[in-house]
Amino acid sequence: MREILFRGKRDNNSGWVFGCYYKQEEFYGDKHEFHIIITSKEDLCYDQALHFYTVIPETVGQFTGLTDKNGKKIFEGDIIECWSEGVKARGRVQQRCDGLWIIYPAWQKNIMWGLCPHEDG
């Protein structure tokens, strides 16, 4: 089963948070949007303790389900370098409308760069 996980940078510049993403729109005369990452941690009583963090919307990205060569999770918006048959590409991870994760720009060095699980594992 695929892990659904989001990442966003906290709006007070205190780092990244990981969890469920939620966008709240409220109307009090003017429209206000709140972008929130909800995290949960097990406390000593084995109950879920929920924590809510407001995040900068431009930094929110979904986990691709893929990891790099060091086992670090790859998220939408990450800048990555990759190699295929001796050719190197560098770009931002982005999801196409058909669900394929690609490197943007996707067409580099006459190759369409899509991301897939590492086959050596």
Protein backbone atom coordinates (compact mmCIF):
# COMPACT_ATOMS: atom_id res chain seq x y z
CA MET A 1 0.00 0.00 0.00
CA ARG A 2 1.30 3.44 -0.92
CA GLU A 3 2.20 5.83 1.89
CA ILE A 4 0.34 9.16 1.59
CA LEU A 5 2.51 11.85 3.14
CA PHE A 6 2.97 15.58 2.64
CA ARG A 7 5.73 17.97 3.59
CA GLY A 8 5.66 21.72 4.08
CA LYS A 9 7.88 24.44 5.51
CA ARG A 10 6.45 26.06 8.63
CA ASP A 11 5.44 29.68 8.16
CA ASN A 12 7.56 30.79 11.13
CA ASN A 13 10.77 29.47 9.47
CA SER A 14 11.26 26.75 12.08
CA GLY A 15 11.74 23.91 9.60
CA TRP A 16 9.84 21.23 7.75
CA VAL A 17 6.85 19.24 9.02
CA PHE A 18 5.50 15.97 7.63
CA GLY A 19 1.97 14.62 7.80
CA CYS A 20 -1.49 15.18 6.31
CA TYR A 21 -2.13 18.33 4.29
CA TYR A 22 -5.28 20.38 4.80
CA LYS A 23 -6.36 23.62 3.11
CA GLN A 24 -9.00 25.66 4.90
CA GLU A 25 -10.81 28.57 3.26
CA GLU A 26 -12.68 31.02 5.44
CA PHE A 27 -14.69 34.07 4.52
CA TYR A 28 -14.88 36.99 6.95
CA GLY A 29 -15.59 39.73 4.47
CA ASP A 30 -12.35 38.75 2.70
CA LYS A 31 -11.26 35.30 1.67
CA HIS A 32 -8.52 33.78 3.85
CA GLU A 33 -6.73 30.53 3.16
CA PHE A 34 -4.92 28.48 5.77
CA HIS A 35 -2.52 25.73 4.71
CA ILE A 36 -1.95 23.23 7.47
CA ILE A 37 0.09 20.06 7.99
CA ILE A 38 -1.37 17.79 10.67
CA THR A 39 1.11 15.50 12.41
CA SER A 40 0.51 12.86 15.01
CA LYS A 41 2.87 11.37 17.57
CA GLU A 42 2.34 8.56 20.02
CA ASP A 43 2.34 9.85 23.56
CA LEU A 44 3.03 7.86 26.72
CA CYS A 45 -0.60 6.71 26.97
CA TYR A 46 -0.53 5.27 23.43
CA ASP A 47 -3.07 7.86 22.28
CA GLN A 48 -2.61 9.90 19.13
CA ALA A 49 -1.54 13.45 19.96
CA LEU A 50 -2.36 15.69 16.97
CA HIS A 51 -0.31 18.77 16.17
CA PHE A 52 -1.33 21.42 13.62
CA TYR A 53 1.22 23.61 11.83
CA THR A 54 0.55 26.37 9.33
CA VAL A 55 2.85 26.09 6.33
CA ILE A 56 3.91 28.16 3.34
CA PRO A 57 1.69 26.89 0.47
CA GLU A 58 4.45 27.05 -2.17
CA THR A 59 6.53 24.59 -0.13
CA VAL A 60 3.88 21.86 0.19
CA GLY A 61 4.74 18.68 -1.70
CA GLN A 62 3.49 15.10 -1.75
CA PHE A 63 5.72 12.09 -1.17
CA THR A 64 6.30 10.31 -4.49
CA GLY A 65 6.62 6.86 -2.94
CA LEU A 66 10.25 6.82 -4.13
CA THR A 67 13.54 7.22 -2.32
CA ASP A 68 16.97 8.34 -3.47
CA LYS A 69 20.10 6.15 -3.40
CA ASN A 70 20.55 6.96 0.32
CA GLY A 71 16.99 5.99 1.26
CA LYS A 72 15.81 9.61 1.65
CA LYS A 73 12.18 10.18 0.60
CA ILE A 74 11.63 12.14 -2.63
CA PHE A 75 8.86 14.77 -2.51
CA GLU A 76 7.11 16.82 -5.16
CA GLY A 77 9.10 20.03 -5.64
CA ASP A 78 12.51 18.51 -4.79
CA ILE A 79 15.38 19.32 -7.14
CA ILE A 80 17.11 16.09 -8.14
CA GLU A 81 19.85 14.82 -10.40
CA CYS A 82 19.55 11.44 -12.04
CA TRP A 83 21.38 9.30 -14.54
CA SER A 84 20.13 6.99 -17.26
CA GLU A 85 22.50 5.09 -19.52
CA GLY A 86 25.31 7.61 -19.00
CA VAL A 87 23.12 10.70 -19.48
CA LYS A 88 22.48 13.09 -16.58
CA ALA A 89 19.41 15.27 -16.01
CA ARG A 90 18.59 17.77 -13.29
CA GLY A 91 15.19 19.22 -12.49
CA ARG A 92 12.24 19.65 -10.16
CA VAL A 93 10.04 16.67 -9.31
CA GLN A 94 6.50 17.23 -10.57
CA GLN A 95 3.41 15.09 -11.08
CA ARG A 96 1.74 15.02 -14.50
CA CYS A 97 -2.05 14.89 -14.87
CA ASP A 98 -1.82 11.14 -15.63
CA GLY A 99 -0.11 10.52 -12.27
CA LEU A 100 3.44 9.90 -13.57
CA TRP A 101 6.18 11.59 -11.53
CA ILE A 102 8.61 13.40 -13.84
CA ILE A 103 11.58 15.70 -13.67
CA TYR A 104 10.67 19.15 -14.99
CA PRO A 105 11.63 20.02 -17.62
CA ALA A 106 10.72 16.47 -18.60
CA TRP A 107 12.34 16.52 -22.02
CA GLN A 108 16.11 16.82 -21.55
CA LYS A 109 18.98 15.56 -23.72
CA ASN A 110 16.47 13.92 -26.10
CA ILE A 111 15.03 11.76 -23.29
CA MET A 112 11.66 11.91 -21.50
CA TRP A 113 12.56 11.77 -17.80
CA GLY A 114 10.01 9.91 -15.67
CA LEU A 115 10.72 8.60 -12.19
CA CYS A 116 10.36 4.95 -11.27
CA PRO A 117 11.57 2.70 -8.44
CA HIS A 118 15.26 1.79 -8.44
CA GLU A 119 15.67 -1.63 -10.08
CA ASP A 120 18.94 -2.64 -8.36
CA GLY A 121 17.26 -3.12 -4.95
